[in-house]
């Protein structure tokens, strides 16, 4: 654990906290107002605004929590690799095969109906 690592962790945590505040204070207010409207008063524009706003709210919420967790980990000396970025930049096809191994295996699993 170094002072530079701790400072990077604090920075990442504050960025995550800012995303959480943005999603709660800026995006959620109009979205909540639209969801509180009676159905007869909703227009197509209101519906689309609510859909886009709610999507942004979910994104900033999860992204903020992730940044806060990464920042806390960094403050305590852990560093997390950004594997999704590494996979996207890779040109070797073997990396893509390893990265998609789990999704291909899951898609091959048999689907069975639940028994009661």
Protein backbone atom coordinates (compact mmCIF):
# COMPACT_ATOMS: atom_id res chain seq x y z
CA UNK A 1 0.00 0.00 0.00
CA UNK A 2 1.50 3.29 -1.12
CA UNK A 3 0.44 6.88 -0.73
CA UNK A 4 -0.06 7.17 -4.49
CA UNK A 5 -2.26 4.06 -4.50
CA UNK A 6 -4.28 5.42 -1.60
CA UNK A 7 -4.71 8.75 -3.41
CA UNK A 8 -5.86 6.95 -6.58
CA UNK A 9 -8.31 4.96 -4.47
CA UNK A 10 -9.74 8.09 -2.88
CA UNK A 11 -10.09 9.67 -6.32
CA UNK A 12 -11.91 6.62 -7.70
CA UNK A 13 -14.16 6.45 -4.64
CA UNK A 14 -15.10 10.13 -5.00
CA UNK A 15 -15.86 9.64 -8.70
CA UNK A 16 -18.15 6.73 -7.79
CA UNK A 17 -19.83 8.78 -5.09
CA UNK A 18 -20.37 11.60 -7.59
CA UNK A 19 -22.02 9.14 -10.00
CA UNK A 20 -24.31 7.96 -7.22
CA UNK A 21 -25.23 11.54 -6.35
CA UNK A 22 -25.82 12.33 -10.03
CA UNK A 23 -28.13 9.35 -10.44
CA UNK A 24 -30.06 10.09 -7.28
CA UNK A 25 -30.30 13.89 -7.34
CA UNK A 26 -30.29 14.85 -11.00
CA UNK A 27 -31.64 11.93 -13.02
CA UNK A 28 -34.10 10.44 -10.53
CA UNK A 29 -36.12 13.59 -9.85
CA UNK A 30 -37.71 13.97 -13.31
CA UNK A 31 -38.01 10.21 -13.76
CA UNK A 32 -39.86 9.85 -10.46
CA UNK A 33 -42.17 12.72 -11.43
CA UNK A 34 -43.01 11.03 -14.74
CA UNK A 35 -43.65 7.68 -13.05
CA UNK A 36 -45.97 9.43 -10.58
CA UNK A 37 -48.12 10.85 -13.42
CA UNK A 38 -51.48 9.21 -14.14
CA UNK A 39 -51.43 7.01 -17.24
CA UNK A 40 -53.96 9.21 -19.02
CA UNK A 41 -51.57 12.18 -18.90
CA UNK A 42 -48.52 10.33 -20.25
CA UNK A 43 -47.40 11.18 -23.76
CA UNK A 44 -44.95 9.31 -25.94
CA UNK A 45 -42.28 11.87 -25.13
CA UNK A 46 -42.84 11.41 -21.40
CA UNK A 47 -42.59 7.65 -21.76
CA UNK A 48 -39.32 7.86 -23.71
CA UNK A 49 -37.89 10.37 -21.27
CA UNK A 50 -38.75 8.04 -18.40
CA UNK A 51 -37.19 5.04 -20.18
CA UNK A 52 -33.96 6.85 -21.01
CA UNK A 53 -33.79 8.48 -17.58
CA UNK A 54 -34.36 5.21 -15.76
CA UNK A 55 -31.69 3.53 -17.90
CA UNK A 56 -29.21 6.29 -17.03
CA UNK A 57 -30.19 6.02 -13.38
CA UNK A 58 -29.45 2.28 -13.33
CA UNK A 59 -26.16 2.79 -15.20
CA UNK A 60 -24.89 5.53 -12.87
CA UNK A 61 -26.05 3.56 -9.83
CA UNK A 62 -24.16 0.36 -10.70
CA UNK A 63 -21.18 2.21 -12.14
CA UNK A 64 -20.96 4.38 -9.05
CA UNK A 65 -21.04 1.40 -6.70
CA UNK A 66 -18.40 -0.36 -8.79
CA UNK A 67 -16.12 2.69 -8.75
CA UNK A 68 -16.59 3.04 -4.99
CA UNK A 69 -15.68 -0.62 -4.43
CA UNK A 70 -12.63 -0.39 -6.71
CA UNK A 71 -11.57 2.79 -4.93
CA UNK A 72 -11.89 1.19 -1.49
CA UNK A 73 -9.91 -1.80 -2.69
CA UNK A 74 -7.23 0.49 -4.06
CA UNK A 75 -7.07 2.39 -0.77
CA UNK A 76 -6.37 -0.87 1.05
CA UNK A 77 -3.71 -2.02 -1.42
CA UNK A 78 -5.67 -4.14 -3.91
CA UNK A 79 -5.60 -3.39 -7.60
CA UNK A 80 -8.16 -4.86 -9.98
CA UNK A 81 -7.36 -5.66 -13.58
CA UNK A 82 -9.64 -4.31 -16.27
CA UNK A 83 -10.08 -7.56 -18.18
CA UNK A 84 -12.90 -6.39 -20.45
CA UNK A 85 -10.70 -3.62 -21.85
CA UNK A 86 -7.80 -6.03 -22.27
CA UNK A 87 -9.99 -8.50 -24.18
CA UNK A 88 -11.34 -5.80 -26.50
CA UNK A 89 -7.87 -4.58 -27.41
CA UNK A 90 -6.44 -8.03 -28.00
CA UNK A 91 -5.81 -9.10 -31.58
CA UNK A 92 -5.01 -12.75 -30.86
CA UNK A 93 -8.02 -15.04 -31.47
CA UNK A 94 -7.00 -17.36 -28.62
CA UNK A 95 -7.78 -14.64 -26.12
CA UNK A 96 -11.26 -14.29 -27.53
CA UNK A 97 -11.83 -18.04 -27.28
CA UNK A 98 -10.78 -18.05 -23.63
CA UNK A 99 -12.86 -14.97 -22.87
CA UNK A 100 -16.03 -16.42 -24.38
CA UNK A 101 -15.52 -19.92 -23.02
CA UNK A 102 -18.01 -19.52 -20.19
CA UNK A 103 -20.76 -18.00 -22.29
CA UNK A 104 -20.45 -20.80 -24.84
CA UNK A 105 -20.52 -23.45 -22.13
CA UNK A 106 -23.59 -21.94 -20.51
CA UNK A 107 -25.38 -21.75 -23.85
CA UNK A 108 -24.78 -25.50 -24.35
CA UNK A 109 -26.27 -26.52 -21.04
CA UNK A 110 -29.57 -28.36 -21.38
CA UNK A 111 -32.63 -26.40 -20.39
CA UNK A 112 -35.00 -28.41 -18.24
CA UNK A 113 -38.41 -27.50 -16.98
CA UNK A 114 -38.73 -27.20 -13.24
CA UNK A 115 -40.49 -30.14 -11.63
CA UNK A 116 -43.07 -29.53 -8.99
